[in-house]
Amino acid sequence: MNHLKTFRQFIKEEDGMGTVEVILIIVVLVGLVVIFKEKITEIVNSIFSKITNQTKKI
C-alpha cells in the first residue's frame, strides 16, 4: 500500500517539468534553424542588400 502512495506522489510531482519543456523548445528551435539554414541566410542577405541599396540613395 505504501508503494502505491509513493507512486501517486511521484506522478503528481511536477518540479522538473519546466526545465524539460524549455529544453524541448530549444531543441526544436535549433532543429528548425539547421533545417532552414540556407533559406534564413538568403532572407537575411536579401534584407541587408535592400538596406544597403536604399542607404546609398539617401
Foldseek 3Di string as FASTA:
>chain_A
DVVVVVVVVVVPDCPCVVVVVVVVVVVVVVVVCVVCVVVVVVVVVVVVVVVVVVVVVD
